[in-house]
PDB file of N, CA and C in Angstrom:
ATOM      1  N   UNK A   1      10.456 -14.644 -27.079  1.00  0.00           N
ATOM      2  CA  UNK A   1      11.663 -13.854 -27.075  1.00  0.00           C
ATOM      3  C   UNK A   1      12.834 -14.792 -26.828  1.00  0.00           C
ATOM      4  N   UNK A   2      13.697 -14.927 -27.770  1.00  0.00           N
ATOM      5  CA  UNK A   2      14.876 -15.774 -27.631  1.00  0.00           C
ATOM      6  C   UNK A   2      16.019 -14.960 -27.068  1.00  0.00           C
ATOM      7  N   UNK A   3      16.834 -15.584 -26.225  1.00  0.00           N
ATOM      8  CA  UNK A   3      18.025 -14.898 -25.772  1.00  0.00           C
ATOM      9  C   UNK A   3      19.227 -15.570 -26.399  1.00  0.00           C
ATOM     10  N   UNK A   4      20.083 -14.805 -27.026  1.00  0.00           N
ATOM     11  CA  UNK A   4      21.196 -15.370 -27.760  1.00  0.00           C
ATOM     12  C   UNK A   4      22.183 -16.026 -26.818  1.00  0.00           C
ATOM     13  N   UNK A   5      22.761 -17.131 -27.265  1.00  0.00           N
ATOM     14  CA  UNK A   5      23.747 -17.827 -26.481  1.00  0.00           C
ATOM     15  C   UNK A   5      23.162 -18.838 -25.515  1.00  0.00           C
ATOM     16  N   UNK A   6      21.858 -18.847 -25.334  1.00  0.00           N
ATOM     17  CA  UNK A   6      21.220 -19.792 -24.431  1.00  0.00           C
ATOM     18  C   UNK A   6      20.043 -20.418 -25.149  1.00  0.00           C
ATOM     19  N   UNK A   7      19.760 -21.651 -24.755  1.00  0.00           N
ATOM     20  CA  UNK A   7      18.659 -22.340 -25.417  1.00  0.00           C
ATOM     21  C   UNK A   7      17.305 -22.004 -24.807  1.00  0.00           C
ATOM     22  N   UNK A   8      17.299 -21.354 -23.628  1.00  0.00           N
ATOM     23  CA  UNK A   8      16.035 -21.023 -22.994  1.00  0.00           C
ATOM     24  C   UNK A   8      15.323 -19.909 -23.762  1.00  0.00           C
ATOM     25  N   UNK A   9      14.024 -19.901 -23.655  1.00  0.00           N
ATOM     26  CA  UNK A   9      13.283 -18.753 -24.164  1.00  0.00           C
ATOM     27  C   UNK A   9      12.581 -18.096 -22.983  1.00  0.00           C
ATOM     28  N   UNK A  10      12.350 -16.814 -23.105  1.00  0.00           N
ATOM     29  CA  UNK A  10      11.712 -16.055 -22.034  1.00  0.00           C
ATOM     30  C   UNK A  10      10.206 -16.114 -22.234  1.00  0.00           C
ATOM     31  N   UNK A  11       9.533 -16.724 -21.263  1.00  0.00           N
ATOM     32  CA  UNK A  11       8.077 -16.876 -21.328  1.00  0.00           C
ATOM     33  C   UNK A  11       7.344 -15.717 -20.687  1.00  0.00           C
ATOM     34  N   UNK A  12       8.028 -14.998 -19.839  1.00  0.00           N
ATOM     35  CA  UNK A  12       7.442 -13.876 -19.129  1.00  0.00           C
ATOM     36  C   UNK A  12       8.484 -13.268 -18.226  1.00  0.00           C
ATOM     37  N   UNK A  13       8.062 -12.296 -17.427  1.00  0.00           N
ATOM     38  CA  UNK A  13       8.947 -11.623 -16.483  1.00  0.00           C
ATOM     39  C   UNK A  13       8.241 -11.468 -15.154  1.00  0.00           C
ATOM     40  N   UNK A  14       9.048 -11.382 -14.110  1.00  0.00           N
ATOM     41  CA  UNK A  14       8.566 -10.991 -12.793  1.00  0.00           C
ATOM     42  C   UNK A  14       9.347  -9.768 -12.354  1.00  0.00           C
ATOM     43  N   UNK A  15       8.656  -8.842 -11.724  1.00  0.00           N
ATOM     44  CA  UNK A  15       9.302  -7.746 -11.011  1.00  0.00           C
ATOM     45  C   UNK A  15       8.905  -7.913  -9.547  1.00  0.00           C
ATOM     46  N   UNK A  16       9.877  -7.804  -8.671  1.00  0.00           N
ATOM     47  CA  UNK A  16       9.629  -7.888  -7.236  1.00  0.00           C
ATOM     48  C   UNK A  16       9.901  -6.514  -6.645  1.00  0.00           C
ATOM     49  N   UNK A  17       8.886  -5.937  -6.018  1.00  0.00           N
ATOM     50  CA  UNK A  17       8.994  -4.627  -5.402  1.00  0.00           C
ATOM     51  C   UNK A  17       9.166  -4.849  -3.899  1.00  0.00           C
ATOM     52  N   UNK A  18      10.333  -4.467  -3.385  1.00  0.00           N
ATOM     53  CA  UNK A  18      10.664  -4.668  -1.974  1.00  0.00           C
ATOM     54  C   UNK A  18      10.279  -3.435  -1.163  1.00  0.00           C
ATOM     55  N   UNK A  19       9.860  -3.681   0.079  1.00  0.00           N
ATOM     56  CA  UNK A  19       9.463  -2.585   0.952  1.00  0.00           C
ATOM     57  C   UNK A  19       9.708  -2.986   2.398  1.00  0.00           C
ATOM     58  N   UNK A  20       9.646  -2.008   3.276  1.00  0.00           N
ATOM     59  CA  UNK A  20       9.696  -2.243   4.718  1.00  0.00           C
ATOM     60  C   UNK A  20       8.617  -1.366   5.345  1.00  0.00           C
ATOM     61  N   UNK A  21       8.604  -1.300   6.659  1.00  0.00           N
ATOM     62  CA  UNK A  21       7.557  -0.516   7.342  1.00  0.00           C
ATOM     63  C   UNK A  21       7.542   0.940   6.889  1.00  0.00           C
ATOM     64  N   UNK A  22       8.728   1.515   6.701  1.00  0.00           N
ATOM     65  CA  UNK A  22       8.813   2.925   6.317  1.00  0.00           C
ATOM     66  C   UNK A  22       8.412   3.172   4.858  1.00  0.00           C
ATOM     67  N   UNK A  23       8.590   2.185   4.002  1.00  0.00           N
ATOM     68  CA  UNK A  23       8.327   2.400   2.571  1.00  0.00           C
ATOM     69  C   UNK A  23       7.054   1.715   2.074  1.00  0.00           C
ATOM     70  N   UNK A  24       6.281   1.100   2.967  1.00  0.00           N
ATOM     71  CA  UNK A  24       5.091   0.362   2.522  1.00  0.00           C
ATOM     72  C   UNK A  24       4.081   1.278   1.835  1.00  0.00           C
ATOM     73  N   UNK A  25       3.910   2.500   2.315  1.00  0.00           N
ATOM     74  CA  UNK A  25       2.972   3.423   1.682  1.00  0.00           C
ATOM     75  C   UNK A  25       3.398   3.760   0.257  1.00  0.00           C
ATOM     76  N   UNK A  26       4.698   3.959   0.042  1.00  0.00           N
ATOM     77  CA  UNK A  26       5.207   4.219  -1.314  1.00  0.00           C
ATOM     78  C   UNK A  26       5.002   2.997  -2.202  1.00  0.00           C
ATOM     79  N   UNK A  27       5.191   1.809  -1.633  1.00  0.00           N
ATOM     80  CA  UNK A  27       4.973   0.573  -2.394  1.00  0.00           C
ATOM     81  C   UNK A  27       3.498   0.430  -2.773  1.00  0.00           C
ATOM     82  N   UNK A  28       2.607   0.825  -1.879  1.00  0.00           N
ATOM     83  CA  UNK A  28       1.168   0.759  -2.166  1.00  0.00           C
ATOM     84  C   UNK A  28       0.789   1.750  -3.264  1.00  0.00           C
ATOM     85  N   UNK A  29       1.349   2.954  -3.208  1.00  0.00           N
ATOM     86  CA  UNK A  29       1.079   3.949  -4.245  1.00  0.00           C
ATOM     87  C   UNK A  29       1.596   3.468  -5.605  1.00  0.00           C
ATOM     88  N   UNK A  30       2.799   2.910  -5.620  1.00  0.00           N
ATOM     89  CA  UNK A  30       3.361   2.379  -6.861  1.00  0.00           C
ATOM     90  C   UNK A  30       2.485   1.257  -7.407  1.00  0.00           C
ATOM     91  N   UNK A  31       2.065   0.368  -6.544  1.00  0.00           N
ATOM     92  CA  UNK A  31       1.208  -0.756  -6.944  1.00  0.00           C
ATOM     93  C   UNK A  31      -0.072  -0.262  -7.612  1.00  0.00           C
ATOM     94  N   UNK A  32      -0.690   0.735  -7.011  1.00  0.00           N
ATOM     95  CA  UNK A  32      -1.929   1.292  -7.558  1.00  0.00           C
ATOM     96  C   UNK A  32      -1.695   1.877  -8.955  1.00  0.00           C
ATOM     97  N   UNK A  33      -0.597   2.577  -9.129  1.00  0.00           N
ATOM     98  CA  UNK A  33      -0.277   3.168 -10.433  1.00  0.00           C
ATOM     99  C   UNK A  33      -0.005   2.087 -11.472  1.00  0.00           C
ATOM    100  N   UNK A  34       0.676   1.019 -11.079  1.00  0.00           N
ATOM    101  CA  UNK A  34       0.969  -0.083 -11.998  1.00  0.00           C
ATOM    102  C   UNK A  34      -0.328  -0.750 -12.439  1.00  0.00           C
ATOM    103  N   UNK A  35      -1.181  -1.056 -11.476  1.00  0.00           N
ATOM    104  CA  UNK A  35      -2.449  -1.731 -11.789  1.00  0.00           C
ATOM    105  C   UNK A  35      -3.297  -0.908 -12.749  1.00  0.00           C
ATOM    106  N   UNK A  36      -3.225   0.411 -12.660  1.00  0.00           N
ATOM    107  CA  UNK A  36      -4.035   1.270 -13.502  1.00  0.00           C
ATOM    108  C   UNK A  36      -3.462   1.540 -14.879  1.00  0.00           C
ATOM    109  N   UNK A  37      -2.199   1.182 -15.104  1.00  0.00           N
ATOM    110  CA  UNK A  37      -1.545   1.576 -16.350  1.00  0.00           C
ATOM    111  C   UNK A  37      -0.926   0.460 -17.178  1.00  0.00           C
ATOM    112  N   UNK A  38      -0.848  -0.745 -16.627  1.00  0.00           N
ATOM    113  CA  UNK A  38      -0.139  -1.812 -17.341  1.00  0.00           C
ATOM    114  C   UNK A  38      -0.933  -3.107 -17.323  1.00  0.00           C
ATOM    115  N   UNK A  39      -0.656  -3.944 -18.313  1.00  0.00           N
ATOM    116  CA  UNK A  39      -1.272  -5.261 -18.423  1.00  0.00           C
ATOM    117  C   UNK A  39      -0.397  -6.245 -17.649  1.00  0.00           C
ATOM    118  N   UNK A  40      -0.703  -6.404 -16.356  1.00  0.00           N
ATOM    119  CA  UNK A  40       0.108  -7.219 -15.457  1.00  0.00           C
ATOM    120  C   UNK A  40      -0.795  -8.059 -14.558  1.00  0.00           C
ATOM    121  N   UNK A  41      -0.187  -9.032 -13.903  1.00  0.00           N
ATOM    122  CA  UNK A  41      -0.857  -9.796 -12.858  1.00  0.00           C
ATOM    123  C   UNK A  41      -0.115  -9.490 -11.566  1.00  0.00           C
ATOM    124  N   UNK A  42      -0.825  -8.918 -10.611  1.00  0.00           N
ATOM    125  CA  UNK A  42      -0.206  -8.533  -9.344  1.00  0.00           C
ATOM    126  C   UNK A  42      -0.260  -9.683  -8.349  1.00  0.00           C
ATOM    127  N   UNK A  43       0.872  -9.938  -7.725  1.00  0.00           N
ATOM    128  CA  UNK A  43       0.929 -10.920  -6.652  1.00  0.00           C
ATOM    129  C   UNK A  43       0.496 -10.287  -5.347  1.00  0.00           C
ATOM    130  N   UNK A  44       0.279 -11.124  -4.365  1.00  0.00           N
ATOM    131  CA  UNK A  44      -0.187 -10.599  -3.076  1.00  0.00           C
ATOM    132  C   UNK A  44       0.964  -9.967  -2.297  1.00  0.00           C
ATOM    133  N   UNK A  45       0.610  -9.161  -1.336  1.00  0.00           N
ATOM    134  CA  UNK A  45       1.581  -8.563  -0.417  1.00  0.00           C
ATOM    135  C   UNK A  45       2.210  -9.681   0.392  1.00  0.00           C
ATOM    136  N   UNK A  46       3.519  -9.692   0.477  1.00  0.00           N
ATOM    137  CA  UNK A  46       4.263 -10.657   1.287  1.00  0.00           C
ATOM    138  C   UNK A  46       5.007  -9.856   2.350  1.00  0.00           C
ATOM    139  N   UNK A  47       4.386  -9.679   3.511  1.00  0.00           N
ATOM    140  CA  UNK A  47       4.947  -8.832   4.556  1.00  0.00           C
ATOM    141  C   UNK A  47       6.107  -9.476   5.305  1.00  0.00           C
ATOM    142  N   UNK A  48       6.363 -10.735   5.041  1.00  0.00           N
ATOM    143  CA  UNK A  48       7.508 -11.445   5.606  1.00  0.00           C
ATOM    144  C   UNK A  48       8.333 -11.999   4.450  1.00  0.00           C
ATOM    145  N   UNK A  49       9.643 -12.160   4.646  1.00  0.00           N
ATOM    146  CA  UNK A  49      10.465 -12.760   3.586  1.00  0.00           C
ATOM    147  C   UNK A  49       9.898 -14.122   3.176  1.00  0.00           C
ATOM    148  N   UNK A  50       9.957 -14.410   1.872  1.00  0.00           N
ATOM    149  CA  UNK A  50       9.440 -15.670   1.353  1.00  0.00           C
ATOM    150  C   UNK A  50      10.393 -16.155   0.265  1.00  0.00           C
ATOM    151  N   UNK A  51      10.604 -17.462   0.207  1.00  0.00           N
ATOM    152  CA  UNK A  51      11.474 -18.040  -0.817  1.00  0.00           C
ATOM    153  C   UNK A  51      12.856 -17.417  -0.766  1.00  0.00           C
ATOM    154  N   UNK A  52      13.363 -16.994  -1.922  1.00  0.00           N
ATOM    155  CA  UNK A  52      14.708 -16.426  -1.954  1.00  0.00           C
ATOM    156  C   UNK A  52      14.760 -14.949  -1.553  1.00  0.00           C
ATOM    157  N   UNK A  53      13.613 -14.356  -1.303  1.00  0.00           N
ATOM    158  CA  UNK A  53      13.546 -12.910  -1.095  1.00  0.00           C
ATOM    159  C   UNK A  53      13.825 -12.560   0.371  1.00  0.00           C
ATOM    160  N   UNK A  54      14.790 -11.659   0.614  1.00  0.00           N
ATOM    161  CA  UNK A  54      15.241 -11.375   1.975  1.00  0.00           C
ATOM    162  C   UNK A  54      14.381 -10.389   2.760  1.00  0.00           C
ATOM    163  N   UNK A  55      13.396  -9.793   2.108  1.00  0.00           N
ATOM    164  CA  UNK A  55      12.513  -8.877   2.835  1.00  0.00           C
ATOM    165  C   UNK A  55      11.142  -8.863   2.182  1.00  0.00           C
ATOM    166  N   UNK A  56      10.234  -8.142   2.805  1.00  0.00           N
ATOM    167  CA  UNK A  56       8.857  -8.047   2.323  1.00  0.00           C
ATOM    168  C   UNK A  56       8.839  -7.541   0.885  1.00  0.00           C
ATOM    169  N   UNK A  57       7.866  -8.043   0.110  1.00  0.00           N
ATOM    170  CA  UNK A  57       7.765  -7.650  -1.294  1.00  0.00           C
ATOM    171  C   UNK A  57       6.417  -8.067  -1.850  1.00  0.00           C
ATOM    172  N   UNK A  58       6.119  -7.554  -3.050  1.00  0.00           N
ATOM    173  CA  UNK A  58       5.049  -8.118  -3.864  1.00  0.00           C
ATOM    174  C   UNK A  58       5.611  -8.311  -5.261  1.00  0.00           C
ATOM    175  N   UNK A  59       4.970  -9.199  -5.998  1.00  0.00           N
ATOM    176  CA  UNK A  59       5.430  -9.562  -7.331  1.00  0.00           C
ATOM    177  C   UNK A  59       4.502  -8.989  -8.383  1.00  0.00           C
ATOM    178  N   UNK A  60       5.097  -8.625  -9.515  1.00  0.00           N
ATOM    179  CA  UNK A  60       4.357  -8.191 -10.691  1.00  0.00           C
ATOM    180  C   UNK A  60       4.747  -9.148 -11.813  1.00  0.00           C
ATOM    181  N   UNK A  61       3.789  -9.847 -12.400  1.00  0.00           N
ATOM    182  CA  UNK A  61       4.066 -10.745 -13.521  1.00  0.00           C
ATOM    183  C   UNK A  61       3.594 -10.070 -14.800  1.00  0.00           C
ATOM    184  N   UNK A  62       4.426 -10.153 -15.847  1.00  0.00           N
ATOM    185  CA  UNK A  62       4.036  -9.550 -17.115  1.00  0.00           C
ATOM    186  C   UNK A  62       4.673 -10.284 -18.284  1.00  0.00           C
ATOM    187  N   UNK A  63       4.036 -10.151 -19.439  1.00  0.00           N
ATOM    188  CA  UNK A  63       4.471 -10.812 -20.668  1.00  0.00           C
ATOM    189  C   UNK A  63       5.663 -10.077 -21.281  1.00  0.00           C
ATOM    190  N   UNK A  64       6.460 -10.774 -22.091  1.00  0.00           N
ATOM    191  CA  UNK A  64       7.580 -10.112 -22.766  1.00  0.00           C
ATOM    192  C   UNK A  64       7.172  -8.858 -23.530  1.00  0.00           C
ATOM    193  N   UNK A  65       5.988  -8.856 -24.121  1.00  0.00           N
ATOM    194  CA  UNK A  65       5.532  -7.691 -24.896  1.00  0.00           C
ATOM    195  C   UNK A  65       5.353  -6.448 -24.021  1.00  0.00           C
ATOM    196  N   UNK A  66       5.159  -6.627 -22.720  1.00  0.00           N
ATOM    197  CA  UNK A  66       4.945  -5.494 -21.808  1.00  0.00           C
ATOM    198  C   UNK A  66       6.268  -4.949 -21.259  1.00  0.00           C
ATOM    199  N   UNK A  67       7.365  -5.684 -21.439  1.00  0.00           N
ATOM    200  CA  UNK A  67       8.666  -5.307 -20.872  1.00  0.00           C
ATOM    201  C   UNK A  67       9.069  -3.885 -21.255  1.00  0.00           C
ATOM    202  N   UNK A  68       8.991  -3.552 -22.531  1.00  0.00           N
ATOM    203  CA  UNK A  68       9.450  -2.242 -23.016  1.00  0.00           C
ATOM    204  C   UNK A  68       8.611  -1.082 -22.475  1.00  0.00           C
ATOM    205  N   UNK A  69       7.417  -1.366 -22.021  1.00  0.00           N
ATOM    206  CA  UNK A  69       6.578  -0.314 -21.435  1.00  0.00           C
ATOM    207  C   UNK A  69       6.823  -0.171 -19.944  1.00  0.00           C
ATOM    208  N   UNK A  70       6.816  -1.302 -19.238  1.00  0.00           N
ATOM    209  CA  UNK A  70       6.821  -1.219 -17.776  1.00  0.00           C
ATOM    210  C   UNK A  70       8.213  -1.016 -17.184  1.00  0.00           C
ATOM    211  N   UNK A  71       9.247  -1.637 -17.734  1.00  0.00           N
ATOM    212  CA  UNK A  71      10.573  -1.535 -17.106  1.00  0.00           C
ATOM    213  C   UNK A  71      11.118  -0.101 -17.145  1.00  0.00           C
ATOM    214  N   UNK A  72      11.089   0.591 -18.282  1.00  0.00           N
ATOM    215  CA  UNK A  72      11.524   1.990 -18.242  1.00  0.00           C
ATOM    216  C   UNK A  72      10.677   2.851 -17.298  1.00  0.00           C
ATOM    217  N   UNK A  73       9.382   2.583 -17.245  1.00  0.00           N
ATOM    218  CA  UNK A  73       8.506   3.325 -16.349  1.00  0.00           C
ATOM    219  C   UNK A  73       8.918   3.093 -14.897  1.00  0.00           C
ATOM    220  N   UNK A  74       9.188   1.827 -14.539  1.00  0.00           N
ATOM    221  CA  UNK A  74       9.633   1.525 -13.180  1.00  0.00           C
ATOM    222  C   UNK A  74      10.949   2.229 -12.858  1.00  0.00           C
ATOM    223  N   UNK A  75      11.852   2.294 -13.829  1.00  0.00           N
ATOM    224  CA  UNK A  75      13.137   2.960 -13.615  1.00  0.00           C
ATOM    225  C   UNK A  75      12.939   4.409 -13.179  1.00  0.00           C
ATOM    226  N   UNK A  76      11.958   5.076 -13.757  1.00  0.00           N
ATOM    227  CA  UNK A  76      11.724   6.491 -13.475  1.00  0.00           C
ATOM    228  C   UNK A  76      10.726   6.750 -12.351  1.00  0.00           C
ATOM    229  N   UNK A  77       9.966   5.740 -11.976  1.00  0.00           N
ATOM    230  CA  UNK A  77       8.864   5.952 -11.026  1.00  0.00           C
ATOM    231  C   UNK A  77       8.926   5.061  -9.788  1.00  0.00           C
ATOM    232  N   UNK A  78      10.058   4.427  -9.517  1.00  0.00           N
ATOM    233  CA  UNK A  78      10.135   3.485  -8.391  1.00  0.00           C
ATOM    234  C   UNK A  78      10.170   4.173  -7.036  1.00  0.00           C
ATOM    235  N   UNK A  79      10.358   5.501  -7.029  1.00  0.00           N
ATOM    236  CA  UNK A  79      10.259   6.307  -5.809  1.00  0.00           C
ATOM    237  C   UNK A  79      11.154   5.775  -4.693  1.00  0.00           C
ATOM    238  N   UNK A  80      12.393   5.409  -5.040  1.00  0.00           N
ATOM    239  CA  UNK A  80      13.359   4.957  -4.049  1.00  0.00           C
ATOM    240  C   UNK A  80      13.243   3.512  -3.637  1.00  0.00           C
ATOM    241  N   UNK A  81      12.256   2.794  -4.152  1.00  0.00           N
ATOM    242  CA  UNK A  81      12.080   1.388  -3.799  1.00  0.00           C
ATOM    243  C   UNK A  81      13.079   0.524  -4.581  1.00  0.00           C
ATOM    244  N   UNK A  82      13.481  -0.571  -3.976  1.00  0.00           N
ATOM    245  CA  UNK A  82      14.340  -1.548  -4.648  1.00  0.00           C
ATOM    246  C   UNK A  82      13.444  -2.490  -5.437  1.00  0.00           C
ATOM    247  N   UNK A  83      13.807  -2.728  -6.700  1.00  0.00           N
ATOM    248  CA  UNK A  83      13.021  -3.607  -7.564  1.00  0.00           C
ATOM    249  C   UNK A  83      13.960  -4.578  -8.272  1.00  0.00           C
ATOM    250  N   UNK A  84      13.587  -5.839  -8.281  1.00  0.00           N
ATOM    251  CA  UNK A  84      14.271  -6.891  -9.031  1.00  0.00           C
ATOM    252  C   UNK A  84      13.383  -7.278 -10.201  1.00  0.00           C
ATOM    253  N   UNK A  85      13.946  -7.295 -11.402  1.00  0.00           N
ATOM    254  CA  UNK A  85      13.235  -7.786 -12.585  1.00  0.00           C
ATOM    255  C   UNK A  85      14.012  -8.995 -13.093  1.00  0.00           C
ATOM    256  N   UNK A  86      13.305 -10.091 -13.341  1.00  0.00           N
ATOM    257  CA  UNK A  86      13.977 -11.272 -13.887  1.00  0.00           C
ATOM    258  C   UNK A  86      13.079 -11.983 -14.888  1.00  0.00           C
ATOM    259  N   UNK A  87      13.701 -12.696 -15.840  1.00  0.00           N
ATOM    260  CA  UNK A  87      12.908 -13.441 -16.808  1.00  0.00           C
ATOM    261  C   UNK A  87      12.367 -14.724 -16.198  1.00  0.00           C
ATOM    262  N   UNK A  88      11.406 -15.295 -16.857  1.00  0.00           N
ATOM    263  CA  UNK A  88      10.866 -16.614 -16.530  1.00  0.00           C
ATOM    264  C   UNK A  88      11.253 -17.561 -17.668  1.00  0.00           C
ATOM    265  N   UNK A  89      12.306 -18.350 -17.444  1.00  0.00           N
ATOM    266  CA  UNK A  89      12.759 -19.299 -18.460  1.00  0.00           C
ATOM    267  C   UNK A  89      12.505 -20.742 -18.057  1.00  0.00           C
ATOM    268  N   UNK A  90      12.128 -20.947 -16.780  1.00  0.00           N
ATOM    269  CA  UNK A  90      11.983 -22.295 -16.249  1.00  0.00           C
ATOM    270  C   UNK A  90      13.158 -22.699 -15.381  1.00  0.00           C
ATOM    271  N   UNK A  91      14.210 -21.893 -15.363  1.00  0.00           N
ATOM    272  CA  UNK A  91      15.383 -22.141 -14.524  1.00  0.00           C
ATOM    273  C   UNK A  91      15.419 -21.038 -13.463  1.00  0.00           C
ATOM    274  N   UNK A  92      14.755 -21.287 -12.344  1.00  0.00           N
ATOM    275  CA  UNK A  92      14.606 -20.255 -11.316  1.00  0.00           C
ATOM    276  C   UNK A  92      15.937 -19.741 -10.798  1.00  0.00           C
ATOM    277  N   UNK A  93      16.902 -20.630 -10.624  1.00  0.00           N
ATOM    278  CA  UNK A  93      18.203 -20.192 -10.117  1.00  0.00           C
ATOM    279  C   UNK A  93      18.856 -19.203 -11.080  1.00  0.00           C
ATOM    280  N   UNK A  94      18.992 -19.583 -12.335  1.00  0.00           N
ATOM    281  CA  UNK A  94      19.627 -18.690 -13.309  1.00  0.00           C
ATOM    282  C   UNK A  94      18.829 -17.406 -13.501  1.00  0.00           C
ATOM    283  N   UNK A  95      17.514 -17.511 -13.499  1.00  0.00           N
ATOM    284  CA  UNK A  95      16.679 -16.321 -13.681  1.00  0.00           C
ATOM    285  C   UNK A  95      16.961 -15.287 -12.594  1.00  0.00           C
ATOM    286  N   UNK A  96      17.118 -15.728 -11.353  1.00  0.00           N
ATOM    287  CA  UNK A  96      17.350 -14.811 -10.238  1.00  0.00           C
ATOM    288  C   UNK A  96      18.825 -14.447 -10.059  1.00  0.00           C
ATOM    289  N   UNK A  97      19.735 -15.388 -10.321  1.00  0.00           N
ATOM    290  CA  UNK A  97      21.153 -15.182 -10.019  1.00  0.00           C
ATOM    291  C   UNK A  97      21.949 -14.607 -11.182  1.00  0.00           C
ATOM    292  N   UNK A  98      21.601 -14.984 -12.407  1.00  0.00           N
ATOM    293  CA  UNK A  98      22.419 -14.619 -13.559  1.00  0.00           C
ATOM    294  C   UNK A  98      21.739 -13.659 -14.529  1.00  0.00           C
ATOM    295  N   UNK A  99      20.432 -13.707 -14.606  1.00  0.00           N
ATOM    296  CA  UNK A  99      19.716 -12.922 -15.612  1.00  0.00           C
ATOM    297  C   UNK A  99      18.926 -11.766 -15.014  1.00  0.00           C
ATOM    298  N   UNK A 100      19.211 -11.414 -13.762  1.00  0.00           N
ATOM    299  CA  UNK A 100      18.420 -10.421 -13.041  1.00  0.00           C
ATOM    300  C   UNK A 100      18.856  -8.999 -13.358  1.00  0.00           C
ATOM    301  N   UNK A 101      17.904  -8.094 -13.296  1.00  0.00           N
ATOM    302  CA  UNK A 101      18.116  -6.658 -13.439  1.00  0.00           C
ATOM    303  C   UNK A 101      17.659  -6.014 -12.134  1.00  0.00           C
ATOM    304  N   UNK A 102      18.549  -5.218 -11.517  1.00  0.00           N
ATOM    305  CA  UNK A 102      18.224  -4.564 -10.253  1.00  0.00           C
ATOM    306  C   UNK A 102      18.051  -3.072 -10.452  1.00  0.00           C
ATOM    307  N   UNK A 103      17.045  -2.517  -9.794  1.00  0.00           N
ATOM    308  CA  UNK A 103      16.857  -1.074  -9.711  1.00  0.00           C
ATOM    309  C   UNK A 103      17.032  -0.717  -8.249  1.00  0.00           C
ATOM    310  N   UNK A 104      17.964   0.180  -7.967  1.00  0.00           N
ATOM    311  CA  UNK A 104      18.313   0.470  -6.582  1.00  0.00           C
ATOM    312  C   UNK A 104      19.406  -0.487  -6.152  1.00  0.00           C
ATOM    313  N   UNK A 105      19.605  -0.579  -4.848  1.00  0.00           N
ATOM    314  CA  UNK A 105      20.685  -1.440  -4.367  1.00  0.00           C
ATOM    315  C   UNK A 105      20.337  -2.908  -4.558  1.00  0.00           C
ATOM    316  N   UNK A 106      21.337  -3.691  -4.847  1.00  0.00           N
ATOM    317  CA  UNK A 106      21.144  -5.128  -5.040  1.00  0.00           C
ATOM    318  C   UNK A 106      21.041  -5.806  -3.684  1.00  0.00           C
ATOM    319  N   UNK A 107      19.980  -6.555  -3.471  1.00  0.00           N
ATOM    320  CA  UNK A 107      19.791  -7.304  -2.236  1.00  0.00           C
ATOM    321  C   UNK A 107      20.417  -8.690  -2.389  1.00  0.00           C
ATOM    322  N   UNK A 108      20.815  -9.254  -1.279  1.00  0.00           N
ATOM    323  CA  UNK A 108      21.356 -10.616  -1.293  1.00  0.00           C
ATOM    324  C   UNK A 108      20.194 -11.603  -1.223  1.00  0.00           C
ATOM    325  N   UNK A 109      19.926 -12.262  -2.335  1.00  0.00           N
ATOM    326  CA  UNK A 109      18.873 -13.266  -2.369  1.00  0.00           C
ATOM    327  C   UNK A 109      19.369 -14.551  -1.719  1.00  0.00           C
ATOM    328  N   UNK A 110      18.444 -15.348  -1.224  1.00  0.00           N
ATOM    329  CA  UNK A 110      18.767 -16.657  -0.653  1.00  0.00           C
ATOM    330  C   UNK A 110      18.770 -17.663  -1.799  1.00  0.00           C
ATOM    331  N   UNK A 111      19.862 -17.651  -2.558  1.00  0.00           N
ATOM    332  CA  UNK A 111      19.922 -18.436  -3.796  1.00  0.00           C
ATOM    333  C   UNK A 111      19.957 -19.940  -3.548  1.00  0.00           C
ATOM    334  N   UNK A 112      20.422 -20.370  -2.370  1.00  0.00           N
ATOM    335  CA  UNK A 112      20.410 -21.808  -2.080  1.00  0.00           C
ATOM    336  C   UNK A 112      18.997 -22.358  -2.144  1.00  0.00           C
ATOM    337  N   UNK A 113      18.014 -21.525  -1.818  1.00  0.00           N
ATOM    338  CA  UNK A 113      16.610 -21.933  -1.901  1.00  0.00           C
ATOM    339  C   UNK A 113      16.255 -22.353  -3.331  1.00  0.00           C
ATOM    340  N   UNK A 114      16.851 -21.675  -4.319  1.00  0.00           N
ATOM    341  CA  UNK A 114      16.515 -21.917  -5.726  1.00  0.00           C
ATOM    342  C   UNK A 114      17.395 -22.975  -6.385  1.00  0.00           C
ATOM    343  N   UNK A 115      18.556 -23.231  -5.823  1.00  0.00           N
ATOM    344  CA  UNK A 115      19.562 -24.056  -6.485  1.00  0.00           C
ATOM    345  C   UNK A 115      19.048 -25.444  -6.865  1.00  0.00           C
ATOM    346  N   UNK A 116      18.241 -26.049  -6.032  1.00  0.00           N
ATOM    347  CA  UNK A 116      17.811 -27.418  -6.278  1.00  0.00           C
ATOM    348  C   UNK A 116      16.368 -27.563  -6.738  1.00  0.00           C
ATOM    349  N   UNK A 117      15.757 -26.435  -7.089  1.00  0.00           N
ATOM    350  CA  UNK A 117      14.393 -26.523  -7.629  1.00  0.00           C
ATOM    351  C   UNK A 117      14.428 -27.139  -9.010  1.00  0.00           C
ATOM    352  N   UNK A 118      13.452 -27.965  -9.357  1.00  0.00           N
ATOM    353  CA  UNK A 118      13.429 -28.544 -10.706  1.00  0.00           C
ATOM    354  C   UNK A 118      13.135 -27.471 -11.761  1.00  0.00           C
ATOM    355  N   UNK A 119      13.686 -27.677 -12.936  1.00  0.00           N
ATOM    356  CA  UNK A 119      13.395 -26.781 -14.052  1.00  0.00           C
ATOM    357  C   UNK A 119      11.935 -26.972 -14.443  1.00  0.00           C
ATOM    358  N   UNK A 120      11.304 -25.856 -14.848  1.00  0.00           N
ATOM    359  CA  UNK A 120       9.895 -25.911 -15.250  1.00  0.00           C
ATOM    360  C   UNK A 120       9.786 -25.682 -16.735  1.00  0.00           C
TER     361      UNK A 120
END
């Protein structure tokens, strides 16, 4: 999938589902539904902030071909959870800071963590 105006290509996507103590059960229910309905790779539960993420979350990795199925579904079924969707282009900073799609309120990511990572 080429994105116009940029030389990067999108190799895949990540969705990060954020939760806290009060919403962990909803996050678990959502996770179960995703695993049963989509071609994705589920990341582990991260009960503490990790990397640029300011609160607990788990990651969902999926191919560009799955985007049109899973993203609209997440929009309608996120059950109040905050979700970040971003492409995987090899530029982690731009993927999270410039090319991100937020569902729910936008969280402040720790972008300095990503600023000096090497391109992949």
